[in-house]
């Protein structure tokens, strides 16, 4: 006898103003299965998860949870049906402790007050069970993106789960944390939990998933066995065409223009906290990569260049001029634009529109122009970047919260590009972005460098750094361990420097 599905999506449709997000979507999730959900940004994956979570109601079709007797209309209904959805951007109470977030809705009480001791014991027990090393008394605001993602996972698994959906769960995790998560998912699978796994990392899908459903333009292209399907076939299903490479070909890299050799960013003996001394340059028309393992100092270096970390030594120059003013405003005024790793917490106002986010911080009002001309210029600027970056849906009044992760990243890029900076620093620029959109971002970066922009890319994906950068600085222990030209950049050469297994002096 065939077991009833854990979830059945029947002919689901959902329309938003100007876009059909889901078009008669049908597929099933089996109990005890890890089922990958794949597709480019805008394919409909996020909308489908929000229907599963009770955040959206479908305009047509039916979401069936056999054996529960629950019609999911609200998040409370989904919770009652033992459905948990973990989004790419954690939804946590930032000024509450880890323990309070994990056990929210089930806080232990004593004499009508929260039993803090018991609360911490229960949360610590949950952390130990999942193999998470974290102080449960810490406020979430003090945690980094990876730790916040782990708290979200602890929270979802604190109660009995029947269906678990995860949207890009490893985007902020280290390799070791990812392996621990996979071990947890395998245990849940053996316990009969149905798991929906959304990821753009095909190597992860191949390692953890049993089947994969591919979506494109709001429709299901097909459901396949992962073991019997190649990556090339999955990519073709996702984008509807063959892709030989997502990176710019070598002949599209810098062309030796006269301004190519001019340093736009020059960092000399920079020190901040445990990082330094660090020296590096990025020239006009050049993409420079920063690689390194977790804890190597990449993130602190980015924060220092953005003015968010105080310098204790050294100098930063943009276009030959020293950055005198400290703080983020000084960096911005000097022509440094930074797209941070945690875009939702640090770069976006999710409940505001795309237009408001792109124009955030721009001084667009000129009294002599008059209101209508100011408004027209704002509209033109926003529409230009909607087209340039292919932000979907192309609705300037859409709330950023409703956009996929990749399109949210494009909104952040649009805001900075509208300022016409000298230096663009991208921290994990394609985190949570699908294969097709990555190609668009890479091509955009190359177009920008052709116009003389200097780009510094910080990424934990070695393939990305190797494929995109003209030169790569490798960090280890807060310092630059070596500089590798494009022709010599391989995963082996970068890892050798990052791990310190072979000494190599900088050129």
Protein backbone atom coordinates (compact mmCIF):
# COMPACT_ATOMS: atom_id res chain seq x y z
CA UNK A 1 0.00 0.00 0.00
CA UNK A 2 1.39 3.40 -1.01
CA UNK A 3 1.68 5.86 1.88
CA UNK A 4 -0.34 9.06 1.71
CA UNK A 5 1.68 12.16 0.71
CA UNK A 6 2.92 14.46 3.45
CA UNK A 7 1.86 17.42 1.27
CA UNK A 8 0.04 17.59 -2.04
CA UNK A 9 -0.01 20.74 -4.16
CA UNK A 10 -2.97 20.53 -6.55
CA UNK A 11 -3.23 23.01 -9.45
CA UNK A 12 -2.15 25.93 -7.24
CA UNK A 13 -2.33 29.39 -8.81
CA UNK A 14 -1.45 32.77 -7.33
CA UNK A 15 -1.54 36.18 -8.96
CA UNK A 16 -0.05 39.44 -7.77
CA UNK A 17 -0.54 42.82 -9.49
CA UNK A 18 1.00 42.47 -12.94
CA UNK A 19 2.42 38.97 -12.47
CA UNK A 20 1.18 35.38 -12.38
CA UNK A 21 3.43 33.97 -9.66
CA UNK A 22 2.05 30.41 -9.74
CA UNK A 23 0.33 28.80 -12.70
CA UNK A 24 -1.47 25.52 -11.85
CA UNK A 25 1.39 24.06 -9.82
CA UNK A 26 1.05 20.37 -8.91
CA UNK A 27 3.50 18.04 -7.15
CA UNK A 28 3.68 15.91 -4.00
CA UNK A 29 6.02 15.56 -1.04
CA UNK A 30 6.29 12.08 0.45
CA UNK A 31 6.81 11.41 4.16
CA UNK A 32 10.40 10.49 4.90
CA UNK A 33 11.65 12.28 1.77
CA UNK A 34 14.01 15.19 1.17
CA UNK A 35 12.59 16.89 -1.92
CA UNK A 36 14.57 19.69 -3.58
CA UNK A 37 12.65 22.61 -5.08
CA UNK A 38 14.69 24.28 -7.81
CA UNK A 39 14.27 27.23 -10.13
CA UNK A 40 15.56 30.68 -10.99
CA UNK A 41 14.57 33.75 -9.00
CA UNK A 42 10.97 34.57 -9.85
CA UNK A 43 10.18 30.95 -10.68
CA UNK A 44 7.59 30.83 -7.89
CA UNK A 45 9.46 28.93 -5.17
CA UNK A 46 9.10 31.61 -2.49
CA UNK A 47 5.40 32.09 -3.23
CA UNK A 48 4.83 28.34 -2.93
CA UNK A 49 6.58 28.25 0.46
CA UNK A 50 4.49 31.18 1.69
CA UNK A 51 1.31 29.33 0.74
CA UNK A 52 2.60 26.27 2.62
CA UNK A 53 3.31 28.49 5.65
CA UNK A 54 -0.14 30.10 5.52
CA UNK A 55 1.25 33.55 4.70
CA UNK A 56 -0.52 33.61 1.30
CA UNK A 57 -3.82 32.15 0.13
CA UNK A 58 -3.87 30.63 -3.37
CA UNK A 59 -6.26 32.13 -5.92
CA UNK A 60 -6.92 28.67 -7.32
CA UNK A 61 -6.16 25.06 -6.60
CA UNK A 62 -5.71 23.30 -3.30
CA UNK A 63 -3.04 22.61 -0.67
CA UNK A 64 -3.71 19.20 0.88
CA UNK A 65 -2.16 17.85 4.09
CA UNK A 66 -3.56 14.29 4.26
CA UNK A 67 -4.49 13.04 7.70
CA UNK A 68 -4.39 16.43 9.43
CA UNK A 69 -7.91 17.69 8.80
CA UNK A 70 -6.40 21.18 8.56
CA UNK A 71 -7.15 23.71 5.82
CA UNK A 72 -4.13 26.02 5.87
CA UNK A 73 -5.42 29.58 5.70
CA UNK A 74 -3.15 31.26 8.25
CA UNK A 75 0.29 30.71 9.83
CA UNK A 76 -1.53 29.39 12.91
CA UNK A 77 -3.20 26.72 10.75
CA UNK A 78 0.18 25.68 9.37
CA UNK A 79 1.58 25.45 12.89
CA UNK A 80 -1.36 23.30 14.00
CA UNK A 81 -0.68 20.98 11.04
CA UNK A 82 2.94 20.66 12.26
CA UNK A 83 4.29 22.49 9.23
CA UNK A 84 7.41 24.61 9.71
CA UNK A 85 8.98 26.89 7.09
CA UNK A 86 12.46 28.37 7.56
CA UNK A 87 13.05 31.29 5.20
CA UNK A 88 16.40 32.39 3.84
CA UNK A 89 16.30 35.54 5.96
CA UNK A 90 15.71 34.55 9.62
CA UNK A 91 12.51 35.86 11.22
CA UNK A 92 13.66 36.40 14.79
CA UNK A 93 13.10 38.81 17.67
CA UNK A 94 16.40 40.66 17.56
CA UNK A 95 16.30 42.08 21.09
CA UNK A 96 15.32 38.79 22.74
CA UNK A 97 17.62 35.97 23.75
CA UNK A 98 18.32 32.83 21.77
CA UNK A 99 16.32 30.83 24.33
CA UNK A 100 13.28 33.13 24.08
CA UNK A 101 13.30 32.87 20.28
CA UNK A 102 13.66 29.08 20.28
CA UNK A 103 10.79 28.51 22.73
CA UNK A 104 8.53 31.41 21.79
CA UNK A 105 4.91 30.37 22.22
CA UNK A 106 5.88 27.71 24.75
CA UNK A 107 7.81 29.65 27.38
CA UNK A 108 8.00 27.71 30.69
CA UNK A 109 6.19 29.55 33.47
CA UNK A 110 6.38 29.56 37.24
CA UNK A 111 3.86 31.49 39.32
CA UNK A 112 2.61 33.29 36.22
CA UNK A 113 6.12 34.45 35.32
CA UNK A 114 8.60 33.08 32.81
CA UNK A 115 10.83 30.52 34.48
CA UNK A 116 14.16 31.81 33.18
CA UNK A 117 16.21 28.97 34.58
CA UNK A 118 14.00 26.33 33.01
CA UNK A 119 13.86 28.34 29.76
CA UNK A 120 17.63 28.33 29.47
CA UNK A 121 17.84 24.63 30.37
CA UNK A 122 15.34 23.64 27.67
CA UNK A 123 16.99 25.81 25.01
CA UNK A 124 20.46 24.53 25.91
CA UNK A 125 19.16 20.96 25.70
CA UNK A 126 17.79 21.68 22.22
CA UNK A 127 21.14 23.16 21.17
CA UNK A 128 23.00 20.09 22.42
CA UNK A 129 20.58 17.75 20.67
CA UNK A 130 21.22 19.49 17.37
CA UNK A 131 24.95 19.86 17.96
CA UNK A 132 24.78 23.67 17.97
CA UNK A 133 27.45 25.46 20.02
CA UNK A 134 25.73 28.65 21.15
CA UNK A 135 25.11 30.65 24.35
CA UNK A 136 21.31 30.57 24.68
CA UNK A 137 21.30 33.67 26.91
CA UNK A 138 22.78 35.87 24.15
CA UNK A 139 20.57 38.44 22.44
CA UNK A 140 20.00 37.53 18.80
CA UNK A 141 21.12 40.99 17.68
CA UNK A 142 24.65 40.16 18.80
CA UNK A 143 24.85 37.06 16.60
CA UNK A 144 26.20 36.83 13.06
CA UNK A 145 24.14 35.61 10.07
CA UNK A 146 25.26 31.98 10.45
CA UNK A 147 24.35 31.81 14.13
CA UNK A 148 20.96 33.42 13.46
CA UNK A 149 20.22 30.78 10.83
CA UNK A 150 21.02 28.06 13.37
CA UNK A 151 18.68 29.69 15.89
CA UNK A 152 15.91 29.64 13.26
CA UNK A 153 16.50 25.91 12.76
CA UNK A 154 16.47 25.28 16.53
CA UNK A 155 13.20 27.21 16.76
CA UNK A 156 11.55 25.19 13.97
CA UNK A 157 12.55 21.87 15.52
CA UNK A 158 11.69 22.76 19.12
CA UNK A 159 8.26 21.14 18.67
CA UNK A 160 7.00 18.08 16.79
CA UNK A 161 7.38 18.54 13.01
CA UNK A 162 5.55 16.72 10.21
CA UNK A 163 6.63 18.87 7.26
CA UNK A 164 9.75 21.04 7.22
CA UNK A 165 10.60 23.47 4.41
CA UNK A 166 13.96 25.24 4.23
CA UNK A 167 14.78 28.13 1.89
CA UNK A 168 18.53 28.33 1.17
CA UNK A 169 19.37 27.04 4.67
CA UNK A 170 23.15 26.89 4.16
CA UNK A 171 23.62 30.35 2.66
CA UNK A 172 25.19 31.63 5.91
CA UNK A 173 26.66 28.35 7.22
CA UNK A 174 30.23 27.12 7.20
CA UNK A 175 31.12 23.72 5.78
CA UNK A 176 31.09 22.13 9.24
CA UNK A 177 27.72 23.71 10.11
CA UNK A 178 26.31 22.53 6.78
CA UNK A 179 27.37 18.96 7.49
CA UNK A 180 25.71 19.15 10.91
CA UNK A 181 22.50 20.43 9.31
CA UNK A 182 22.56 17.59 6.79
CA UNK A 183 22.96 15.07 9.62
CA UNK A 184 19.88 16.58 11.31
CA UNK A 185 17.88 16.43 8.07
CA UNK A 186 18.82 12.80 7.51
CA UNK A 187 17.65 11.94 11.03
CA UNK A 188 14.35 13.75 10.43
CA UNK A 189 13.94 11.90 7.13
CA UNK A 190 14.40 8.56 8.87
CA UNK A 191 11.75 9.66 11.39
CA UNK A 192 9.24 10.14 8.55
CA UNK A 193 9.38 13.93 8.25
CA UNK A 194 8.73 15.30 4.75
CA UNK A 195 11.35 17.93 3.90
CA UNK A 196 11.26 20.57 1.15
CA UNK A 197 14.78 21.79 0.43
CA UNK A 198 15.18 24.98 -1.64
CA UNK A 199 18.73 25.63 -2.81
CA UNK A 200 20.68 27.01 -5.75
CA UNK A 201 23.70 24.89 -4.83
CA UNK A 202 23.37 21.81 -6.97
CA UNK A 203 26.20 20.03 -5.16
CA UNK A 204 24.11 20.22 -1.97
CA UNK A 205 21.00 19.00 -3.76
CA UNK A 206 22.93 16.03 -5.08
CA UNK A 207 24.25 15.22 -1.61
CA UNK A 208 21.04 15.52 0.39
CA UNK A 209 17.93 15.25 -1.83
CA UNK A 210 15.99 12.21 -3.05
CA UNK A 211 13.89 13.93 -5.73
CA UNK A 212 13.78 17.39 -7.25
CA UNK A 213 10.93 19.44 -8.65
CA UNK A 214 12.01 22.19 -11.05
CA UNK A 215 9.96 25.36 -11.52
CA UNK A 216 10.20 28.01 -14.23
CA UNK A 217 8.02 31.11 -14.72
CA UNK A 218 5.52 29.95 -12.10
CA UNK A 219 5.05 26.47 -13.54
CA UNK A 220 6.38 23.01 -12.74
CA UNK A 221 8.76 21.85 -15.48
CA UNK A 222 9.12 18.38 -14.03
CA UNK A 223 9.97 16.16 -11.05
CA UNK A 224 13.02 13.90 -11.32
CA UNK A 225 15.13 11.50 -9.29
CA UNK A 226 18.29 13.37 -8.29
CA UNK A 227 20.47 10.27 -8.53
CA UNK A 228 19.53 9.68 -12.17
CA UNK A 229 19.70 13.30 -13.39
CA UNK A 230 22.81 15.30 -14.28
CA UNK A 231 23.51 18.87 -13.17
CA UNK A 232 23.40 19.97 -16.81
CA UNK A 233 19.89 18.55 -17.16
CA UNK A 234 18.73 20.30 -13.99
CA UNK A 235 20.17 23.62 -15.17
CA UNK A 236 18.53 23.22 -18.58
CA UNK A 237 15.19 22.57 -16.87
CA UNK A 238 15.62 25.65 -14.67
CA UNK A 239 16.52 28.15 -17.36
CA UNK A 240 15.12 26.53 -20.49
CA UNK A 241 18.45 26.64 -22.30
CA UNK A 242 21.99 25.29 -22.11
CA UNK A 243 24.63 27.21 -20.17
CA UNK A 244 28.28 26.45 -20.90
CA UNK A 245 29.50 28.82 -18.21
CA UNK A 246 28.03 31.48 -15.96
CA UNK A 247 31.18 33.56 -15.95
CA UNK A 248 32.40 36.13 -18.41
CA UNK A 249 34.82 34.65 -20.91
CA UNK A 250 38.44 35.81 -20.55
CA UNK A 251 38.27 38.09 -23.58
CA UNK A 252 35.49 40.09 -21.90
CA UNK A 253 37.75 40.94 -18.96
CA UNK A 254 39.58 44.21 -18.77
CA UNK A 255 40.84 45.25 -22.18
CA UNK A 256 43.90 47.22 -21.15
CA UNK A 257 42.19 50.60 -21.35
CA UNK A 258 44.36 53.51 -20.35
CA UNK A 259 42.60 53.96 -17.02
CA UNK A 260 42.90 50.25 -16.14
CA UNK A 261 46.17 50.71 -14.21
CA UNK A 262 44.95 53.57 -12.04
CA UNK A 263 44.36 52.45 -8.43
CA UNK A 264 40.89 53.54 -7.39
CA UNK A 265 41.13 51.81 -4.01
CA UNK A 266 44.47 51.65 -2.18
CA UNK A 267 44.63 50.10 1.29
CA UNK A 268 47.95 50.43 3.13
CA UNK A 269 48.78 48.61 6.37
CA UNK A 270 45.15 48.70 7.53
CA UNK A 271 44.54 47.49 11.09
CA UNK A 272 41.27 46.96 12.94
CA UNK A 273 40.84 44.68 15.93
CA UNK A 274 42.28 41.26 15.08
CA UNK A 275 42.71 42.14 11.40
CA UNK A 276 45.88 43.56 9.93
CA UNK A 277 48.13 44.74 8.69
CA UNK A 278 46.36 44.45 5.33
CA UNK A 279 47.50 46.12 2.12
CA UNK A 280 45.77 45.79 -1.24
CA UNK A 281 44.81 47.72 -4.35
CA UNK A 282 41.93 47.62 -6.80
CA UNK A 283 42.45 49.38 -10.11
CA UNK A 284 39.96 51.01 -12.42
CA UNK A 285 38.28 48.40 -14.60
CA UNK A 286 39.40 45.52 -12.39
CA UNK A 287 37.63 42.86 -10.33
CA UNK A 288 39.67 41.76 -7.32
CA UNK A 289 38.61 38.81 -5.19
CA UNK A 290 39.03 38.23 -1.46
CA UNK A 291 39.07 34.56 -0.45
CA UNK A 292 39.60 32.87 2.89
CA UNK A 293 38.10 30.46 5.36
CA UNK A 294 35.52 31.36 8.02
CA UNK A 295 37.27 33.51 10.65
CA UNK A 296 40.03 34.63 8.28
CA UNK A 297 39.06 38.29 8.67
CA UNK A 298 37.22 38.85 5.37
CA UNK A 299 34.07 40.21 7.01
CA UNK A 300 35.97 42.50 9.39
CA UNK A 301 37.95 43.88 6.47
CA UNK A 302 34.73 44.69 4.61
CA UNK A 303 33.28 46.37 7.71
CA UNK A 304 36.44 48.44 8.11
CA UNK A 305 36.33 49.61 4.49
CA UNK A 306 32.64 50.44 4.93
CA UNK A 307 33.46 52.58 7.97
CA UNK A 308 31.61 50.25 10.35
CA UNK A 309 34.80 49.15 12.17
CA UNK A 310 37.21 51.75 13.60
CA UNK A 311 40.73 51.69 12.15
CA UNK A 312 43.60 51.40 14.61
CA UNK A 313 46.21 51.94 11.94
CA UNK A 314 46.90 52.30 8.25
CA UNK A 315 45.29 54.30 5.48
CA UNK A 316 42.54 53.95 2.88
CA UNK A 317 42.64 56.02 -0.31
CA UNK A 318 40.00 56.35 -3.03
CA UNK A 319 41.12 57.86 -6.34
CA UNK A 320 44.32 58.99 -4.63
CA UNK A 321 42.55 60.88 -1.86
CA UNK A 322 42.71 59.63 1.76
CA UNK A 323 39.41 58.76 3.41
CA UNK A 324 39.57 61.24 6.29
CA UNK A 325 36.08 61.05 7.71
CA UNK A 326 35.37 57.94 9.78
CA UNK A 327 32.13 56.01 9.84
CA UNK A 328 29.85 54.79 7.03
CA UNK A 329 28.99 58.31 5.90
CA UNK A 330 32.67 59.06 5.35
CA UNK A 331 33.14 55.92 3.26
CA UNK A 332 30.07 56.73 1.16
CA UNK A 333 31.19 60.33 0.64
CA UNK A 334 34.59 59.05 -0.51
CA UNK A 335 32.94 56.91 -3.19
CA UNK A 336 32.92 53.49 -1.52
CA UNK A 337 29.72 51.45 -1.93
CA UNK A 338 29.28 48.23 0.05
CA UNK A 339 26.65 45.54 -0.56
CA UNK A 340 26.73 43.55 2.71
CA UNK A 341 26.34 39.80 3.16
CA UNK A 342 23.22 40.13 5.35
CA UNK A 343 21.25 42.35 2.96
CA UNK A 344 17.92 42.14 4.78
CA UNK A 345 19.26 43.23 8.17
CA UNK A 346 21.85 45.74 6.95
CA UNK A 347 20.78 47.08 3.55
CA UNK A 348 17.01 46.84 3.08
CA UNK A 349 13.78 48.10 4.60
CA UNK A 350 11.62 45.04 3.79
CA UNK A 351 8.25 46.69 4.41
CA UNK A 352 9.02 49.60 2.08
CA UNK A 353 8.69 49.61 -1.70
CA UNK A 354 11.37 48.86 -4.26
CA UNK A 355 11.33 52.55 -5.22
CA UNK A 356 11.87 53.71 -1.64
CA UNK A 357 14.70 51.23 -1.10
CA UNK A 358 16.53 52.22 -4.28
CA UNK A 359 16.23 55.93 -3.45
CA UNK A 360 17.07 55.46 0.24
CA UNK A 361 19.60 58.09 1.28
CA UNK A 362 19.63 59.88 -2.08
CA UNK A 363 19.34 63.63 -2.00
CA UNK A 364 17.03 64.03 -4.94
CA UNK A 365 15.08 67.13 -3.95
CA UNK A 366 16.15 70.42 -5.50
CA UNK A 367 13.78 73.27 -4.53
CA UNK A 368 14.36 75.08 -7.82
CA UNK A 369 13.18 72.08 -9.87
CA UNK A 370 9.69 71.80 -8.47
CA UNK A 371 7.87 68.73 -7.17
CA UNK A 372 6.78 67.26 -10.52
CA UNK A 373 10.26 67.39 -12.04
CA UNK A 374 11.80 65.85 -8.91
CA UNK A 375 9.21 63.08 -8.98
CA UNK A 376 9.82 62.46 -12.69
CA UNK A 377 13.57 62.15 -12.12
CA UNK A 378 13.02 59.69 -9.27
CA UNK A 379 10.70 57.57 -11.41
CA UNK A 380 13.16 57.59 -14.34
CA UNK A 381 16.04 56.56 -12.09
CA UNK A 382 14.13 53.69 -10.51
CA UNK A 383 12.76 52.45 -13.85
CA UNK A 384 16.26 52.54 -15.33
CA UNK A 385 17.61 50.18 -12.67
CA UNK A 386 14.56 47.94 -12.80
CA UNK A 387 15.41 47.39 -16.48
CA UNK A 388 19.19 47.28 -16.10
CA UNK A 389 19.15 44.64 -13.35
CA UNK A 390 15.99 42.88 -14.53
CA UNK A 391 14.36 43.22 -11.11
CA UNK A 392 11.19 41.11 -10.97
CA UNK A 393 8.40 41.94 -10.66
CA UNK A 394 9.17 45.21 -12.44
CA UNK A 395 6.86 47.10 -10.09
CA UNK A 396 8.53 50.02 -8.27
CA UNK A 397 5.77 49.99 -5.64
CA UNK A 398 6.14 46.27 -4.78
CA UNK A 399 7.17 45.68 -1.17
CA UNK A 400 10.75 44.40 -0.97
CA UNK A 401 9.58 41.72 1.46
CA UNK A 402 7.64 40.04 -1.38
CA UNK A 403 10.69 39.74 -3.66
CA UNK A 404 12.89 36.67 -3.92
CA UNK A 405 16.34 36.77 -2.35
CA UNK A 406 18.05 37.36 -5.67
CA UNK A 407 15.81 40.28 -6.57
CA UNK A 408 16.32 41.78 -3.11
CA UNK A 409 20.07 41.68 -3.78
CA UNK A 410 19.48 43.47 -7.09
CA UNK A 411 17.60 46.24 -5.26
CA UNK A 412 20.64 46.78 -3.01
CA UNK A 413 22.89 46.91 -6.07
CA UNK A 414 20.57 49.38 -7.76
CA UNK A 415 20.71 51.77 -4.80
CA UNK A 416 24.51 51.86 -4.81
CA UNK A 417 24.89 52.02 -8.58
CA UNK A 418 22.56 55.01 -8.65
CA UNK A 419 25.20 56.84 -6.58
CA UNK A 420 27.86 56.22 -9.26
CA UNK A 421 30.58 55.10 -6.81
CA UNK A 422 34.31 54.78 -7.51
CA UNK A 423 34.62 51.46 -5.67
CA UNK A 424 31.99 48.75 -5.32
CA UNK A 425 32.54 46.14 -2.59
CA UNK A 426 30.36 43.04 -2.88
CA UNK A 427 30.24 40.75 0.17
CA UNK A 428 28.84 37.34 -0.91
CA UNK A 429 27.18 38.97 -3.97
CA UNK A 430 25.34 35.88 -5.21
CA UNK A 431 24.30 34.39 -1.88
CA UNK A 432 20.86 32.88 -2.48
CA UNK A 433 20.87 33.71 -6.19
CA UNK A 434 20.11 31.07 -8.82
CA UNK A 435 22.33 29.95 -11.70
CA UNK A 436 20.74 32.14 -14.36
CA UNK A 437 20.70 35.26 -12.16
CA UNK A 438 24.34 34.68 -11.19
CA UNK A 439 25.26 34.91 -14.85
CA UNK A 440 23.39 38.21 -15.07
CA UNK A 441 25.17 39.59 -11.99
CA UNK A 442 28.59 38.56 -13.30
CA UNK A 443 27.89 40.12 -16.69
CA UNK A 444 26.71 43.30 -14.96
CA UNK A 445 29.91 43.47 -12.91
CA UNK A 446 31.95 43.22 -16.10
CA UNK A 447 29.91 45.97 -17.75
CA UNK A 448 30.55 48.19 -14.73
CA UNK A 449 34.30 47.57 -14.79
CA UNK A 450 34.33 48.40 -18.50
CA UNK A 451 33.19 51.87 -17.43
CA UNK A 452 36.13 52.19 -15.03
CA UNK A 453 34.53 51.04 -11.78
CA UNK A 454 36.79 49.16 -9.33
CA UNK A 455 35.10 46.07 -7.86
CA UNK A 456 36.16 44.09 -4.79
CA UNK A 457 34.36 40.74 -4.46
CA UNK A 458 34.40 38.87 -1.14
CA UNK A 459 33.06 35.34 -1.49
CA UNK A 460 33.20 31.99 0.29
CA UNK A 461 32.62 30.26 -3.07
CA UNK A 462 36.08 29.64 -4.53
CA UNK A 463 34.64 28.84 -7.96
CA UNK A 464 33.02 32.28 -8.00
CA UNK A 465 36.22 34.07 -7.00
CA UNK A 466 38.28 32.15 -9.55
CA UNK A 467 35.81 32.66 -12.37
CA UNK A 468 35.21 36.36 -11.77
CA UNK A 469 38.37 37.97 -10.42
CA UNK A 470 41.42 39.32 -12.27
CA UNK A 471 43.46 38.87 -9.07
CA UNK A 472 42.72 37.17 -5.75
CA UNK A 473 43.95 38.08 -2.28
CA UNK A 474 43.75 35.15 0.14
CA UNK A 475 43.30 35.95 3.84
CA UNK A 476 44.36 33.86 6.80
CA UNK A 477 44.46 34.85 10.47
CA UNK A 478 43.46 38.45 9.76
CA UNK A 479 46.22 39.04 7.20
CA UNK A 480 46.80 38.64 3.48
CA UNK A 481 48.46 35.26 3.07
CA UNK A 482 49.10 35.75 -0.62
CA UNK A 483 48.06 37.33 -3.90
CA UNK A 484 47.26 35.07 -6.86
CA UNK A 485 46.89 36.25 -10.48
CA UNK A 486 43.97 34.94 -12.49
CA UNK A 487 46.11 32.59 -14.56
CA UNK A 488 47.31 30.78 -11.42
CA UNK A 489 44.05 30.82 -9.44
CA UNK A 490 42.74 27.33 -8.77
CA UNK A 491 40.80 25.89 -5.85
CA UNK A 492 43.97 24.07 -4.80
CA UNK A 493 46.19 27.16 -4.91
CA UNK A 494 43.71 29.29 -2.96
CA UNK A 495 43.02 26.61 -0.34
CA UNK A 496 46.76 26.04 0.10
CA UNK A 497 47.17 29.68 1.08
CA UNK A 498 43.97 29.78 3.14
CA UNK A 499 45.00 26.72 5.14
CA UNK A 500 48.64 27.74 5.46
CA UNK A 501 49.87 24.37 4.22
CA UNK A 502 52.43 25.98 1.94
CA UNK A 503 54.13 29.32 2.25
CA UNK A 504 53.96 31.66 -0.72
CA UNK A 505 55.11 35.24 -0.70
CA UNK A 506 53.13 37.97 -2.32
CA UNK A 507 54.38 39.19 -5.70
